Amino acid sequence: MVKGGYKPSHCPQHKKAATYAQQQRWKKANGKGGKFTEYHREYYRKHGEKNPKRKRETRRKSRQCKERKDRERETQRIWRQNHPEKVRAHRKRRHDRKRSTYVEDVDRSTLFVRDVGVCQLCGAPISDALLVLDWLEHHGRPHKESPSEDHIVPVSKGGEHSYKNVQLAHVVCNSTKRDK
């Protein structure tokens, strides 16, 4: 046991709480604890009485700040709903950057032109109508013959996200290949 009834603990979280409690008991016993907060509470009460206009102004600004943040959140939510492809691309880039595999943006339409609209895994043509139509938005899942980006060397195995390492493939072909 340590002075003041404090029992040391091996758990860091309990140790912090016990140390804080010990400090508070010491402050209270030595007359240090309550004076500071009482002084400030009294000061702010008197200051508010002297300057009611400023007090109202501060509260108004605080409300305006909250309202502005709410408006911004709503605006961002609407933008994300209207631009799902940009949100998806941003999340993908961020994910790749975190894994240190990001090299460049890979545009699916550029990939479609480069690979002449042919699946590089099965050799069957990929419909360019499915490239434009976002099947996912309408049906909640991608169409099995819609185009997807297949990483030749999987990102999970150290491959990078660049045109050199990406080829066009059907969603079904790409998903059966997995990370091979």
Protein backbone atom coordinates (compact mmCIF):
# COMPACT_ATOMS: atom_id res chain seq x y z
CA MET A 1 0.00 0.00 0.00
CA VAL A 2 1.12 3.49 -0.80
CA LYS A 3 0.31 6.64 1.16
CA GLY A 4 -3.31 7.78 0.76
CA GLY A 5 -4.84 4.32 0.32
CA TYR A 6 -3.60 3.92 -3.25
CA LYS A 7 -3.02 0.30 -4.26
CA PRO A 8 -0.79 -0.01 -7.32
CA SER A 9 -2.13 -2.07 -10.21
CA HIS A 10 -0.34 -3.84 -13.03
CA CYS A 11 -2.98 -2.86 -15.59
CA PRO A 12 -1.95 0.48 -17.22
CA GLN A 13 -5.55 1.68 -17.53
CA HIS A 14 -6.34 1.02 -13.86
CA LYS A 15 -2.98 2.47 -12.89
CA LYS A 16 -3.85 5.75 -14.64
CA ALA A 17 -7.28 5.90 -13.01
CA ALA A 18 -5.86 5.10 -9.57
CA THR A 19 -3.10 7.71 -10.00
CA TYR A 20 -5.67 10.30 -11.06
CA ALA A 21 -7.86 9.44 -8.06
CA GLN A 22 -4.85 9.76 -5.76
CA GLN A 23 -4.00 13.17 -7.25
CA GLN A 24 -7.59 14.33 -6.76
CA ARG A 25 -7.58 13.20 -3.11
CA TRP A 26 -4.28 15.05 -2.53
CA LYS A 27 -5.66 18.24 -4.14
CA LYS A 28 -8.80 18.07 -2.05
CA ALA A 29 -6.83 17.43 1.18
CA ASN A 30 -4.45 20.32 0.48
CA GLY A 31 -7.12 22.79 -0.63
CA LYS A 32 -6.02 22.86 -4.27
CA GLY A 33 -8.87 21.01 -5.98
CA GLY A 34 -12.04 23.06 -5.80
CA LYS A 35 -10.72 26.64 -5.81
CA PHE A 36 -9.65 26.71 -9.44
CA THR A 37 -12.95 25.46 -10.82
CA GLU A 38 -15.05 27.58 -8.44
CA TYR A 39 -13.09 30.70 -9.38
CA HIS A 40 -13.63 30.11 -13.08
CA ARG A 41 -17.28 29.17 -12.68
CA GLU A 42 -17.86 32.42 -10.79
CA TYR A 43 -15.84 34.44 -13.32
CA TYR A 44 -17.84 33.11 -16.29
CA ARG A 45 -21.15 33.69 -14.50
CA LYS A 46 -20.24 37.34 -13.74
CA HIS A 47 -18.82 37.88 -17.23
CA GLY A 48 -22.05 36.50 -18.74
CA GLU A 49 -24.12 38.90 -16.64
CA LYS A 50 -21.94 41.87 -17.66
CA ASN A 51 -21.95 40.99 -21.36
CA PRO A 52 -25.26 39.27 -22.21
CA LYS A 53 -25.01 40.33 -25.85
CA ARG A 54 -21.64 38.62 -26.26
CA LYS A 55 -22.92 35.50 -24.49
CA ARG A 56 -25.87 35.32 -26.90
CA GLU A 57 -23.53 35.95 -29.85
CA THR A 58 -21.25 33.09 -28.77
CA ARG A 59 -24.21 30.72 -28.46
CA ARG A 60 -25.56 31.86 -31.86
CA LYS A 61 -22.17 31.27 -33.52
CA SER A 62 -21.98 27.85 -31.94
CA ARG A 63 -25.43 26.98 -33.34
CA GLN A 64 -24.47 28.36 -36.76
CA CYS A 65 -21.32 26.25 -36.75
CA LYS A 66 -23.34 23.10 -36.01
CA GLU A 67 -25.88 23.99 -38.71
CA ARG A 68 -23.09 24.66 -41.23
CA LYS A 69 -21.48 21.29 -40.45
CA ASP A 70 -24.86 19.57 -40.87
CA ARG A 71 -25.38 21.32 -44.23
CA GLU A 72 -21.89 20.27 -45.38
CA ARG A 73 -22.51 16.67 -44.35
CA GLU A 74 -25.81 16.65 -46.23
CA THR A 75 -24.19 18.19 -49.34
CA GLN A 76 -21.42 15.57 -49.24
CA ARG A 77 -23.94 12.75 -48.81
CA ILE A 78 -25.91 13.94 -51.86
CA TRP A 79 -22.72 14.30 -53.92
CA ARG A 80 -21.66 10.75 -52.98
CA GLN A 81 -25.07 9.43 -54.05
CA ASN A 82 -24.85 11.23 -57.41
CA HIS A 83 -21.23 10.20 -58.14
CA PRO A 84 -20.82 6.58 -56.99
CA GLU A 85 -18.14 5.85 -59.59
CA LYS A 86 -15.93 8.66 -58.29
CA VAL A 87 -16.44 7.54 -54.70
CA ARG A 88 -15.57 3.97 -55.66
CA ALA A 89 -12.45 5.11 -57.51
CA HIS A 90 -11.37 7.29 -54.57
CA ARG A 91 -11.81 4.43 -52.09
CA LYS A 92 -9.89 2.07 -54.38
CA ARG A 93 -7.01 4.55 -54.76
CA ARG A 94 -6.90 5.09 -51.00
CA HIS A 95 -6.92 1.34 -50.37
CA ASP A 96 -4.08 0.84 -52.87
CA ARG A 97 -2.07 3.72 -51.42
CA LYS A 98 -2.36 2.23 -47.94
CA ARG A 99 -0.99 -1.05 -49.31
CA SER A 100 1.72 0.83 -51.26
CA THR A 101 0.55 -0.71 -54.54
CA TYR A 102 -0.87 2.43 -56.16
CA VAL A 103 1.04 3.63 -59.21
CA GLU A 104 -1.57 5.27 -61.44
CA ASP A 105 -5.29 5.50 -62.10
CA VAL A 106 -6.55 2.72 -64.35
CA ASP A 107 -9.56 3.77 -66.41
CA ARG A 108 -11.79 0.88 -67.44
CA SER A 109 -12.74 2.46 -70.80
CA THR A 110 -9.04 2.96 -71.69
CA LEU A 111 -8.42 -0.64 -70.69
CA PHE A 112 -11.37 -1.71 -72.89
CA VAL A 113 -9.85 0.04 -75.93
CA ARG A 114 -6.34 -1.33 -75.21
CA ASP A 115 -7.54 -4.94 -74.86
CA VAL A 116 -9.94 -4.59 -77.85
CA GLY A 117 -12.95 -5.51 -75.70
CA VAL A 118 -11.85 -9.12 -75.23
CA CYS A 119 -11.60 -10.93 -71.90
CA GLN A 120 -7.92 -11.77 -71.41
CA LEU A 121 -8.78 -14.87 -69.34
CA CYS A 122 -11.36 -16.68 -71.50
CA GLY A 123 -10.97 -14.89 -74.87
CA ALA A 124 -14.69 -14.08 -75.24
CA PRO A 125 -15.80 -10.57 -76.23
CA ILE A 126 -17.07 -8.20 -73.56
CA SER A 127 -20.10 -6.09 -74.42
CA ASP A 128 -19.31 -2.37 -74.47
CA ALA A 129 -22.93 -1.69 -73.46
CA LEU A 130 -22.13 -3.24 -70.08
CA LEU A 131 -19.19 -0.87 -69.79
CA VAL A 132 -21.50 2.15 -69.93
CA LEU A 133 -24.42 0.62 -68.03
CA ASP A 134 -23.73 0.34 -64.35
CA TRP A 135 -25.50 -2.93 -63.68
CA LEU A 136 -24.54 -2.75 -60.04
CA GLU A 137 -26.72 0.33 -59.44
CA HIS A 138 -29.81 -1.32 -60.92
CA HIS A 139 -29.50 -4.87 -59.61
CA GLY A 140 -27.29 -4.62 -56.52
CA ARG A 141 -24.60 -6.90 -58.01
CA PRO A 142 -22.43 -6.76 -61.12
CA HIS A 143 -23.54 -8.55 -64.30
CA LYS A 144 -21.47 -11.72 -64.75
CA GLU A 145 -20.25 -10.61 -68.19
CA SER A 146 -19.51 -7.01 -67.28
CA PRO A 147 -15.89 -5.86 -67.54
CA SER A 148 -13.57 -5.79 -64.56
CA GLU A 149 -9.92 -5.05 -63.93
CA ASP A 150 -7.89 -8.21 -63.40
CA HIS A 151 -4.46 -7.80 -61.80
CA ILE A 152 -2.01 -10.16 -63.51
CA VAL A 153 0.11 -10.32 -60.34
CA PRO A 154 -2.49 -9.97 -57.56
CA VAL A 155 -2.22 -6.94 -55.31
CA SER A 156 -2.29 -9.30 -52.32
CA LYS A 157 0.86 -10.97 -53.67
CA GLY A 158 2.74 -7.69 -54.19
CA GLY A 159 1.45 -6.64 -57.62
CA GLU A 160 1.01 -2.96 -58.36
CA HIS A 161 -2.07 -1.11 -59.59
CA SER A 162 -0.93 0.11 -63.02
CA TYR A 163 -1.66 -0.48 -66.71
CA LYS A 164 1.32 -2.87 -66.90
CA ASN A 165 -0.26 -5.18 -64.32
CA VAL A 166 -3.96 -4.85 -65.23
CA GLN A 167 -5.93 -6.61 -67.96
CA LEU A 168 -9.60 -6.69 -68.96
CA ALA A 169 -11.70 -9.65 -67.81
CA HIS A 170 -15.31 -10.67 -67.24
CA VAL A 171 -16.41 -10.38 -63.61
CA VAL A 172 -17.11 -14.13 -63.50
CA CYS A 173 -13.70 -15.02 -65.00
CA ASN A 174 -11.93 -12.66 -62.62
CA SER A 175 -13.75 -14.00 -59.56
CA THR A 176 -13.01 -17.63 -60.47
CA LYS A 177 -9.32 -16.78 -60.90
CA ARG A 178 -9.29 -15.31 -57.35
CA ASP A 179 -5.73 -14.36 -56.28
CA LYS A 180 -3.81 -16.72 -58.58
